[in-house]
Amino acid sequence: MKNRLKVLRAERDWSQAELAGRLEVSRQAVNAIETGKHDPSLPLAFKIARLFNMPIEEIFDDA
């Protein structure tokens, strides 16, 4: 699944570790999601959407 997580994180000048802390996941989990190696669980996707104050569809693209 494609996503804009890396771009959104960079716009806020957050490191992967900072984002991971805010989401209560590991830095490795953030890296895996950003690189498309792992899709987030639905609860984590909602948490990411709330953190960035955006609809899930604007962050993740299943195309």
PDB file of N, CA and C in Angstrom:
ATOM      1  N   MET A   1       0.837  -1.172   0.000  1.00  0.00           N
ATOM      2  CA  MET A   1       0.000   0.000   0.000  1.00  0.00           C
ATOM      3  C   MET A   1       0.890   1.245   0.000  1.00  0.00           C
ATOM      4  N   LYS A   2       0.602   2.154  -0.897  1.00  0.00           N
ATOM      5  CA  LYS A   2       1.350   3.411  -0.929  1.00  0.00           C
ATOM      6  C   LYS A   2       0.876   4.312   0.200  1.00  0.00           C
ATOM      7  N   ASN A   3       1.780   5.162   0.678  1.00  0.00           N
ATOM      8  CA  ASN A   3       1.381   6.096   1.716  1.00  0.00           C
ATOM      9  C   ASN A   3       2.242   7.354   1.668  1.00  0.00           C
ATOM     10  N   ARG A   4       1.770   8.390   2.350  1.00  0.00           N
ATOM     11  CA  ARG A   4       2.456   9.688   2.383  1.00  0.00           C
ATOM     12  C   ARG A   4       3.124   9.922   3.734  1.00  0.00           C
ATOM     13  N   LEU A   5       3.308   8.872   4.509  1.00  0.00           N
ATOM     14  CA  LEU A   5       3.797   9.020   5.869  1.00  0.00           C
ATOM     15  C   LEU A   5       5.152   9.713   5.934  1.00  0.00           C
ATOM     16  N   LYS A   6       6.069   9.331   5.063  1.00  0.00           N
ATOM     17  CA  LYS A   6       7.407   9.934   5.084  1.00  0.00           C
ATOM     18  C   LYS A   6       7.331  11.435   4.786  1.00  0.00           C
ATOM     19  N   VAL A   7       6.520  11.811   3.811  1.00  0.00           N
ATOM     20  CA  VAL A   7       6.371  13.218   3.444  1.00  0.00           C
ATOM     21  C   VAL A   7       5.743  14.008   4.592  1.00  0.00           C
ATOM     22  N   LEU A   8       4.693  13.453   5.166  1.00  0.00           N
ATOM     23  CA  LEU A   8       4.014  14.140   6.274  1.00  0.00           C
ATOM     24  C   LEU A   8       4.949  14.298   7.469  1.00  0.00           C
ATOM     25  N   ARG A   9       5.724  13.261   7.741  1.00  0.00           N
ATOM     26  CA  ARG A   9       6.683  13.311   8.845  1.00  0.00           C
ATOM     27  C   ARG A   9       7.743  14.365   8.568  1.00  0.00           C
ATOM     28  N   ALA A  10       8.261  14.395   7.356  1.00  0.00           N
ATOM     29  CA  ALA A  10       9.300  15.357   6.988  1.00  0.00           C
ATOM     30  C   ALA A  10       8.785  16.790   7.055  1.00  0.00           C
ATOM     31  N   GLU A  11       7.533  17.007   6.669  1.00  0.00           N
ATOM     32  CA  GLU A  11       6.947  18.355   6.731  1.00  0.00           C
ATOM     33  C   GLU A  11       6.940  18.899   8.154  1.00  0.00           C
ATOM     34  N   ARG A  12       6.863  17.994   9.107  1.00  0.00           N
ATOM     35  CA  ARG A  12       6.844  18.401  10.516  1.00  0.00           C
ATOM     36  C   ARG A  12       8.231  18.342  11.159  1.00  0.00           C
ATOM     37  N   ASP A  13       9.205  17.936  10.344  1.00  0.00           N
ATOM     38  CA  ASP A  13      10.594  17.838  10.812  1.00  0.00           C
ATOM     39  C   ASP A  13      10.724  16.855  11.974  1.00  0.00           C
ATOM     40  N   TRP A  14       9.992  15.737  11.882  1.00  0.00           N
ATOM     41  CA  TRP A  14      10.059  14.680  12.889  1.00  0.00           C
ATOM     42  C   TRP A  14      10.958  13.572  12.378  1.00  0.00           C
ATOM     43  N   SER A  15      11.753  12.996  13.240  1.00  0.00           N
ATOM     44  CA  SER A  15      12.519  11.800  12.889  1.00  0.00           C
ATOM     45  C   SER A  15      11.575  10.601  12.953  1.00  0.00           C
ATOM     46  N   GLN A  16      12.034   9.483  12.414  1.00  0.00           N
ATOM     47  CA  GLN A  16      11.226   8.271  12.529  1.00  0.00           C
ATOM     48  C   GLN A  16      11.020   7.920  13.997  1.00  0.00           C
ATOM     49  N   ALA A  17      12.048   8.138  14.811  1.00  0.00           N
ATOM     50  CA  ALA A  17      11.947   7.831  16.245  1.00  0.00           C
ATOM     51  C   ALA A  17      10.903   8.720  16.920  1.00  0.00           C
ATOM     52  N   GLU A  18      10.867  10.006  16.541  1.00  0.00           N
ATOM     53  CA  GLU A  18       9.870  10.917  17.121  1.00  0.00           C
ATOM     54  C   GLU A  18       8.457  10.478  16.753  1.00  0.00           C
ATOM     55  N   LEU A  19       8.257  10.142  15.482  1.00  0.00           N
ATOM     56  CA  LEU A  19       6.940   9.685  15.049  1.00  0.00           C
ATOM     57  C   LEU A  19       6.574   8.386  15.763  1.00  0.00           C
ATOM     58  N   ALA A  20       7.528   7.485  15.867  1.00  0.00           N
ATOM     59  CA  ALA A  20       7.281   6.213  16.545  1.00  0.00           C
ATOM     60  C   ALA A  20       6.839   6.448  17.990  1.00  0.00           C
ATOM     61  N   GLY A  21       7.495   7.380  18.671  1.00  0.00           N
ATOM     62  CA  GLY A  21       7.121   7.698  20.043  1.00  0.00           C
ATOM     63  C   GLY A  21       5.703   8.225  20.142  1.00  0.00           C
ATOM     64  N   ARG A  22       5.324   9.081  19.210  1.00  0.00           N
ATOM     65  CA  ARG A  22       3.973   9.651  19.217  1.00  0.00           C
ATOM     66  C   ARG A  22       2.916   8.575  18.940  1.00  0.00           C
ATOM     67  N   LEU A  23       3.304   7.567  18.154  1.00  0.00           N
ATOM     68  CA  LEU A  23       2.367   6.495  17.797  1.00  0.00           C
ATOM     69  C   LEU A  23       2.464   5.295  18.739  1.00  0.00           C
ATOM     70  N   GLU A  24       3.453   5.321  19.628  1.00  0.00           N
ATOM     71  CA  GLU A  24       3.704   4.216  20.555  1.00  0.00           C
ATOM     72  C   GLU A  24       4.001   2.910  19.824  1.00  0.00           C
ATOM     73  N   VAL A  25       4.847   3.015  18.792  1.00  0.00           N
ATOM     74  CA  VAL A  25       5.348   1.849  18.065  1.00  0.00           C
ATOM     75  C   VAL A  25       6.867   2.003  17.950  1.00  0.00           C
ATOM     76  N   SER A  26       7.529   0.996  17.417  1.00  0.00           N
ATOM     77  CA  SER A  26       8.984   1.073  17.262  1.00  0.00           C
ATOM     78  C   SER A  26       9.359   1.907  16.040  1.00  0.00           C
ATOM     79  N   ARG A  27      10.585   2.410  16.031  1.00  0.00           N
ATOM     80  CA  ARG A  27      11.087   3.125  14.867  1.00  0.00           C
ATOM     81  C   ARG A  27      11.101   2.201  13.661  1.00  0.00           C
ATOM     82  N   GLN A  28      11.417   0.929  13.897  1.00  0.00           N
ATOM     83  CA  GLN A  28      11.451  -0.052  12.806  1.00  0.00           C
ATOM     84  C   GLN A  28      10.064  -0.222  12.183  1.00  0.00           C
ATOM     85  N   ALA A  29       9.017  -0.138  13.006  1.00  0.00           N
ATOM     86  CA  ALA A  29       7.655  -0.244  12.476  1.00  0.00           C
ATOM     87  C   ALA A  29       7.343   0.942  11.574  1.00  0.00           C
ATOM     88  N   VAL A  30       7.756   2.139  11.995  1.00  0.00           N
ATOM     89  CA  VAL A  30       7.549   3.336  11.168  1.00  0.00           C
ATOM     90  C   VAL A  30       8.292   3.184   9.850  1.00  0.00           C
ATOM     91  N   ASN A  31       9.529   2.723   9.910  1.00  0.00           N
ATOM     92  CA  ASN A  31      10.319   2.534   8.692  1.00  0.00           C
ATOM     93  C   ASN A  31       9.649   1.531   7.764  1.00  0.00           C
ATOM     94  N   ALA A  32       9.161   0.428   8.302  1.00  0.00           N
ATOM     95  CA  ALA A  32       8.520  -0.606   7.481  1.00  0.00           C
ATOM     96  C   ALA A  32       7.254  -0.078   6.804  1.00  0.00           C
ATOM     97  N   ILE A  33       6.500   0.757   7.506  1.00  0.00           N
ATOM     98  CA  ILE A  33       5.290   1.336   6.917  1.00  0.00           C
ATOM     99  C   ILE A  33       5.668   2.342   5.836  1.00  0.00           C
ATOM    100  N   GLU A  34       6.650   3.208   6.129  1.00  0.00           N
ATOM    101  CA  GLU A  34       7.065   4.223   5.151  1.00  0.00           C
ATOM    102  C   GLU A  34       7.582   3.602   3.861  1.00  0.00           C
ATOM    103  N   THR A  35       8.298   2.504   3.969  1.00  0.00           N
ATOM    104  CA  THR A  35       8.891   1.879   2.784  1.00  0.00           C
ATOM    105  C   THR A  35       7.954   0.890   2.103  1.00  0.00           C
ATOM    106  N   GLY A  36       6.745   0.720   2.653  1.00  0.00           N
ATOM    107  CA  GLY A  36       5.776  -0.173   2.037  1.00  0.00           C
ATOM    108  C   GLY A  36       6.013  -1.639   2.322  1.00  0.00           C
ATOM    109  N   LYS A  37       6.918  -1.952   3.231  1.00  0.00           N
ATOM    110  CA  LYS A  37       7.190  -3.353   3.571  1.00  0.00           C
ATOM    111  C   LYS A  37       6.134  -3.922   4.500  1.00  0.00           C
ATOM    112  N   HIS A  38       5.396  -3.039   5.163  1.00  0.00           N
ATOM    113  CA  HIS A  38       4.378  -3.468   6.117  1.00  0.00           C
ATOM    114  C   HIS A  38       3.218  -2.480   6.068  1.00  0.00           C
ATOM    115  N   ASP A  39       2.006  -3.016   6.078  1.00  0.00           N
ATOM    116  CA  ASP A  39       0.819  -2.162   6.157  1.00  0.00           C
ATOM    117  C   ASP A  39       0.418  -2.041   7.621  1.00  0.00           C
ATOM    118  N   PRO A  40       0.024  -0.854   8.055  1.00  0.00           N
ATOM    119  CA  PRO A  40      -0.376  -0.701   9.458  1.00  0.00           C
ATOM    120  C   PRO A  40      -1.701  -1.417   9.732  1.00  0.00           C
ATOM    121  N   SER A  41      -1.879  -1.810  10.971  1.00  0.00           N
ATOM    122  CA  SER A  41      -3.174  -2.351  11.371  1.00  0.00           C
ATOM    123  C   SER A  41      -4.199  -1.224  11.248  1.00  0.00           C
ATOM    124  N   LEU A  42      -5.456  -1.580  11.222  1.00  0.00           N
ATOM    125  CA  LEU A  42      -6.500  -0.560  11.118  1.00  0.00           C
ATOM    126  C   LEU A  42      -6.468   0.397  12.313  1.00  0.00           C
ATOM    127  N   PRO A  43      -6.321  -0.117  13.553  1.00  0.00           N
ATOM    128  CA  PRO A  43      -6.230   0.826  14.678  1.00  0.00           C
ATOM    129  C   PRO A  43      -5.031   1.773  14.554  1.00  0.00           C
ATOM    130  N   LEU A  44      -3.903   1.273  14.063  1.00  0.00           N
ATOM    131  CA  LEU A  44      -2.729   2.137  13.897  1.00  0.00           C
ATOM    132  C   LEU A  44      -2.965   3.147  12.780  1.00  0.00           C
ATOM    133  N   ALA A  45      -3.616   2.731  11.708  1.00  0.00           N
ATOM    134  CA  ALA A  45      -3.927   3.664  10.614  1.00  0.00           C
ATOM    135  C   ALA A  45      -4.817   4.802  11.121  1.00  0.00           C
ATOM    136  N   PHE A  46      -5.807   4.475  11.965  1.00  0.00           N
ATOM    137  CA  PHE A  46      -6.652   5.519  12.546  1.00  0.00           C
ATOM    138  C   PHE A  46      -5.842   6.439  13.450  1.00  0.00           C
ATOM    139  N   LYS A  47      -4.915   5.872  14.211  1.00  0.00           N
ATOM    140  CA  LYS A  47      -4.075   6.668  15.105  1.00  0.00           C
ATOM    141  C   LYS A  47      -3.197   7.631  14.297  1.00  0.00           C
ATOM    142  N   ILE A  48      -2.652   7.135  13.182  1.00  0.00           N
ATOM    143  CA  ILE A  48      -1.834   7.976  12.304  1.00  0.00           C
ATOM    144  C   ILE A  48      -2.687   9.108  11.732  1.00  0.00           C
ATOM    145  N   ALA A  49      -3.886   8.774  11.270  1.00  0.00           N
ATOM    146  CA  ALA A  49      -4.784   9.784  10.696  1.00  0.00           C
ATOM    147  C   ALA A  49      -5.121  10.859  11.729  1.00  0.00           C
ATOM    148  N   ARG A  50      -5.401  10.438  12.970  1.00  0.00           N
ATOM    149  CA  ARG A  50      -5.710  11.417  14.023  1.00  0.00           C
ATOM    150  C   ARG A  50      -4.498  12.297  14.318  1.00  0.00           C
ATOM    151  N   LEU A  51      -3.301  11.690  14.368  1.00  0.00           N
ATOM    152  CA  LEU A  51      -2.093  12.444  14.666  1.00  0.00           C
ATOM    153  C   LEU A  51      -1.871  13.553  13.629  1.00  0.00           C
ATOM    154  N   PHE A  52      -2.083  13.231  12.361  1.00  0.00           N
ATOM    155  CA  PHE A  52      -1.879  14.209  11.297  1.00  0.00           C
ATOM    156  C   PHE A  52      -3.146  15.002  10.983  1.00  0.00           C
ATOM    157  N   ASN A  53      -4.239  14.701  11.688  1.00  0.00           N
ATOM    158  CA  ASN A  53      -5.508  15.405  11.493  1.00  0.00           C
ATOM    159  C   ASN A  53      -5.956  15.357  10.030  1.00  0.00           C
ATOM    160  N   MET A  54      -5.912  14.141   9.472  1.00  0.00           N
ATOM    161  CA  MET A  54      -6.276  13.929   8.066  1.00  0.00           C
ATOM    162  C   MET A  54      -7.103  12.658   7.960  1.00  0.00           C
ATOM    163  N   PRO A  55      -7.940  12.556   6.936  1.00  0.00           N
ATOM    164  CA  PRO A  55      -8.630  11.283   6.688  1.00  0.00           C
ATOM    165  C   PRO A  55      -7.602  10.210   6.290  1.00  0.00           C
ATOM    166  N   ILE A  56      -7.883   8.980   6.651  1.00  0.00           N
ATOM    167  CA  ILE A  56      -6.985   7.866   6.304  1.00  0.00           C
ATOM    168  C   ILE A  56      -6.704   7.845   4.808  1.00  0.00           C
ATOM    169  N   GLU A  57      -7.736   8.116   4.003  1.00  0.00           N
ATOM    170  CA  GLU A  57      -7.585   8.035   2.543  1.00  0.00           C
ATOM    171  C   GLU A  57      -6.579   9.044   1.997  1.00  0.00           C
ATOM    172  N   GLU A  58      -6.341  10.124   2.724  1.00  0.00           N
ATOM    173  CA  GLU A  58      -5.354  11.104   2.269  1.00  0.00           C
ATOM    174  C   GLU A  58      -3.921  10.690   2.611  1.00  0.00           C
ATOM    175  N   ILE A  59      -3.782   9.721   3.492  1.00  0.00           N
ATOM    176  CA  ILE A  59      -2.460   9.252   3.880  1.00  0.00           C
ATOM    177  C   ILE A  59      -2.101   7.947   3.187  1.00  0.00           C
ATOM    178  N   PHE A  60      -3.076   7.042   3.099  1.00  0.00           N
ATOM    179  CA  PHE A  60      -2.847   5.714   2.516  1.00  0.00           C
ATOM    180  C   PHE A  60      -3.629   5.538   1.235  1.00  0.00           C
ATOM    181  N   ASP A  61      -2.996   4.884   0.258  1.00  0.00           N
ATOM    182  CA  ASP A  61      -3.617   4.645  -1.036  1.00  0.00           C
ATOM    183  C   ASP A  61      -3.450   3.162  -1.372  1.00  0.00           C
ATOM    184  N   ASP A  62      -4.553   2.467  -1.556  1.00  0.00           N
ATOM    185  CA  ASP A  62      -4.463   1.031  -1.833  1.00  0.00           C
ATOM    186  C   ASP A  62      -4.245   0.716  -3.305  1.00  0.00           C
ATOM    187  N   ALA A  63      -4.030   1.737  -4.111  1.00  0.00           N
ATOM    188  CA  ALA A  63      -3.823   1.517  -5.554  1.00  0.00           C
ATOM    189  C   ALA A  63      -2.435   0.985  -5.854  1.00  0.00           C
TER     190      ALA A  63
END
